[in-house]
Amino acid sequence: MRESTKETTLLETLKWETLSKLQLEEATGDKQKVEIINVAIEELSPKCREAFLLSRYNQLKYKEIADVMGISVKTVEIHISKALSQLRQAAALLLPLSFVLISGFY
């Protein structure tokens, strides 16, 4: 029961930290690009998303992530690798969009 409460609290904290960072990016950058990345993050599997957010937004080391999630460091590596691969694919969609907008073909 205690672990479940701890995990729920951690996920809520992650959610609010992520939202605040994304809102800052939206206020200072291109909202459409941020939305594409947000959607890509939301489409990650729950464990993959959690590992990615702990790594990138909370800046935890893989060992710390493994301890928090109760998984092996190797599994953390796999989750982060999958997340980065999927986010790279989403980012690839941004290149043509940026080119089109910059070159005036819209």
C-alpha atoms as a PDB file:
ATOM      1  CA  MET A   1       0.000   0.000   0.000  1.00  0.00           C
ATOM      2  CA  ARG A   2       2.794   2.414   0.907  1.00  0.00           C
ATOM      3  CA  GLU A   3       4.601   1.758  -2.409  1.00  0.00           C
ATOM      4  CA  SER A   4       1.410   2.435  -4.360  1.00  0.00           C
ATOM      5  CA  THR A   5       0.869   5.756  -2.566  1.00  0.00           C
ATOM      6  CA  LYS A   6       4.522   6.693  -3.093  1.00  0.00           C
ATOM      7  CA  GLU A   7       4.285   5.851  -6.806  1.00  0.00           C
ATOM      8  CA  THR A   8       1.031   7.800  -7.201  1.00  0.00           C
ATOM      9  CA  THR A   9       2.557  10.834  -5.481  1.00  0.00           C
ATOM     10  CA  LEU A  10       5.651  10.604  -7.679  1.00  0.00           C
ATOM     11  CA  LEU A  11       3.579  10.363 -10.857  1.00  0.00           C
ATOM     12  CA  GLU A  12       1.480  13.367  -9.816  1.00  0.00           C
ATOM     13  CA  THR A  13       4.643  15.365  -9.123  1.00  0.00           C
ATOM     14  CA  LEU A  14       6.063  14.342 -12.493  1.00  0.00           C
ATOM     15  CA  LYS A  15       2.848  15.336 -14.224  1.00  0.00           C
ATOM     16  CA  TRP A  16       2.795  18.826 -12.716  1.00  0.00           C
ATOM     17  CA  GLU A  17       6.510  19.419 -13.263  1.00  0.00           C
ATOM     18  CA  THR A  18       6.184  18.341 -16.878  1.00  0.00           C
ATOM     19  CA  LEU A  19       3.117  20.497 -17.440  1.00  0.00           C
ATOM     20  CA  SER A  20       4.812  23.565 -15.966  1.00  0.00           C
ATOM     21  CA  LYS A  21       7.903  23.061 -18.125  1.00  0.00           C
ATOM     22  CA  LEU A  22       5.796  22.546 -21.221  1.00  0.00           C
ATOM     23  CA  GLN A  23       3.742  25.657 -20.457  1.00  0.00           C
ATOM     24  CA  LEU A  24       6.956  27.642 -20.238  1.00  0.00           C
ATOM     25  CA  GLU A  25       8.045  26.251 -23.595  1.00  0.00           C
ATOM     26  CA  GLU A  26       4.661  27.094 -25.078  1.00  0.00           C
ATOM     27  CA  ALA A  27       4.934  30.661 -23.823  1.00  0.00           C
ATOM     28  CA  THR A  28       8.388  31.106 -25.345  1.00  0.00           C
ATOM     29  CA  GLY A  29       8.335  28.876 -28.410  1.00  0.00           C
ATOM     30  CA  ASP A  30       6.353  27.386 -31.217  1.00  0.00           C
ATOM     31  CA  LYS A  31       3.152  25.908 -29.776  1.00  0.00           C
ATOM     32  CA  GLN A  32       2.613  23.542 -32.691  1.00  0.00           C
ATOM     33  CA  LYS A  33       6.031  21.928 -32.222  1.00  0.00           C
ATOM     34  CA  VAL A  34       5.506  21.608 -28.486  1.00  0.00           C
ATOM     35  CA  GLU A  35       2.121  19.980 -29.102  1.00  0.00           C
ATOM     36  CA  ILE A  36       3.641  17.391 -31.447  1.00  0.00           C
ATOM     37  CA  ILE A  37       6.230  16.485 -28.807  1.00  0.00           C
ATOM     38  CA  ASN A  38       3.542  16.415 -26.078  1.00  0.00           C
ATOM     39  CA  VAL A  39       1.467  13.998 -28.130  1.00  0.00           C
ATOM     40  CA  ALA A  40       4.518  11.829 -28.780  1.00  0.00           C
ATOM     41  CA  ILE A  41       5.281  11.701 -25.039  1.00  0.00           C
ATOM     42  CA  GLU A  42       1.667  10.830 -24.249  1.00  0.00           C
ATOM     43  CA  GLU A  43       1.762   8.000 -26.800  1.00  0.00           C
ATOM     44  CA  LEU A  44       4.666   6.306 -25.015  1.00  0.00           C
ATOM     45  CA  SER A  45       3.789   3.271 -22.918  1.00  0.00           C
ATOM     46  CA  PRO A  46       3.251   4.196 -19.246  1.00  0.00           C
ATOM     47  CA  LYS A  47       6.519   2.644 -18.027  1.00  0.00           C
ATOM     48  CA  CYS A  48       8.461   4.064 -20.963  1.00  0.00           C
ATOM     49  CA  ARG A  49       6.985   7.529 -20.354  1.00  0.00           C
ATOM     50  CA  GLU A  50       7.727   7.342 -16.625  1.00  0.00           C
ATOM     51  CA  ALA A  51      11.363   6.355 -17.220  1.00  0.00           C
ATOM     52  CA  PHE A  52      11.763   9.094 -19.836  1.00  0.00           C
ATOM     53  CA  LEU A  53      10.258  11.792 -17.613  1.00  0.00           C
ATOM     54  CA  LEU A  54      12.340  10.720 -14.628  1.00  0.00           C
ATOM     55  CA  SER A  55      15.437  10.855 -16.806  1.00  0.00           C
ATOM     56  CA  ARG A  56      14.875  14.037 -18.771  1.00  0.00           C
ATOM     57  CA  TYR A  57      12.712  16.201 -16.541  1.00  0.00           C
ATOM     58  CA  ASN A  58      13.852  15.055 -13.099  1.00  0.00           C
ATOM     59  CA  GLN A  59      17.387  14.366 -14.290  1.00  0.00           C
ATOM     60  CA  LEU A  60      17.694  11.122 -12.358  1.00  0.00           C
ATOM     61  CA  LYS A  61      20.427   8.648 -13.192  1.00  0.00           C
ATOM     62  CA  TYR A  62      19.432   5.268 -14.589  1.00  0.00           C
ATOM     63  CA  LYS A  63      20.212   3.559 -11.251  1.00  0.00           C
ATOM     64  CA  GLU A  64      17.949   6.032  -9.426  1.00  0.00           C
ATOM     65  CA  ILE A  65      15.179   5.463 -11.979  1.00  0.00           C
ATOM     66  CA  ALA A  66      15.557   1.701 -11.563  1.00  0.00           C
ATOM     67  CA  ASP A  67      15.198   2.069  -7.787  1.00  0.00           C
ATOM     68  CA  VAL A  68      12.132   4.330  -8.071  1.00  0.00           C
ATOM     69  CA  MET A  69      10.406   2.101 -10.619  1.00  0.00           C
ATOM     70  CA  GLY A  70      11.499  -1.200  -9.069  1.00  0.00           C
ATOM     71  CA  ILE A  71      13.088  -2.468 -12.302  1.00  0.00           C
ATOM     72  CA  SER A  72      16.616  -3.255 -13.463  1.00  0.00           C
ATOM     73  CA  VAL A  73      18.971  -0.654 -14.890  1.00  0.00           C
ATOM     74  CA  LYS A  74      18.952  -2.590 -18.174  1.00  0.00           C
ATOM     75  CA  THR A  75      15.156  -2.281 -18.353  1.00  0.00           C
ATOM     76  CA  VAL A  76      15.493   1.475 -17.747  1.00  0.00           C
ATOM     77  CA  GLU A  77      17.969   1.641 -20.638  1.00  0.00           C
ATOM     78  CA  ILE A  78      15.493  -0.181 -22.886  1.00  0.00           C
ATOM     79  CA  HIS A  79      12.615   2.137 -21.893  1.00  0.00           C
ATOM     80  CA  ILE A  80      14.702   5.287 -22.497  1.00  0.00           C
ATOM     81  CA  SER A  81      15.956   3.948 -25.820  1.00  0.00           C
ATOM     82  CA  LYS A  82      12.393   3.228 -26.998  1.00  0.00           C
ATOM     83  CA  ALA A  83      11.216   6.653 -25.845  1.00  0.00           C
ATOM     84  CA  LEU A  84      14.015   8.468 -27.644  1.00  0.00           C
ATOM     85  CA  SER A  85      13.404   6.477 -30.814  1.00  0.00           C
ATOM     86  CA  GLN A  86       9.702   7.348 -30.829  1.00  0.00           C
ATOM     87  CA  LEU A  87      10.410  11.006 -30.023  1.00  0.00           C
ATOM     88  CA  ARG A  88      12.964  11.184 -32.840  1.00  0.00           C
ATOM     89  CA  GLN A  89      10.275   9.964 -35.216  1.00  0.00           C
ATOM     90  CA  ALA A  90       7.937  12.698 -33.970  1.00  0.00           C
ATOM     91  CA  ALA A  91      10.713  15.283 -34.293  1.00  0.00           C
ATOM     92  CA  ALA A  92      11.280  14.164 -37.880  1.00  0.00           C
ATOM     93  CA  LEU A  93       7.757  15.367 -38.585  1.00  0.00           C
ATOM     94  CA  LEU A  94       8.816  18.824 -37.408  1.00  0.00           C
ATOM     95  CA  LEU A  95      11.542  19.212 -40.042  1.00  0.00           C
ATOM     96  CA  PRO A  96       9.253  19.255 -43.068  1.00  0.00           C
ATOM     97  CA  LEU A  97       6.798  21.455 -41.173  1.00  0.00           C
ATOM     98  CA  SER A  98       9.537  23.968 -40.310  1.00  0.00           C
ATOM     99  CA  PHE A  99      10.871  23.911 -43.873  1.00  0.00           C
ATOM    100  CA  VAL A 100       7.427  24.524 -45.333  1.00  0.00           C
ATOM    101  CA  LEU A 101       6.715  27.375 -42.936  1.00  0.00           C
ATOM    102  CA  ILE A 102      10.127  29.005 -43.464  1.00  0.00           C
ATOM    103  CA  SER A 103      10.082  28.690 -47.221  1.00  0.00           C
ATOM    104  CA  GLY A 104       6.560  30.120 -47.431  1.00  0.00           C
ATOM    105  CA  PHE A 105       4.867  27.088 -48.994  1.00  0.00           C
ATOM    106  CA  TYR A 106       1.827  26.853 -46.778  1.00  0.00           C
END
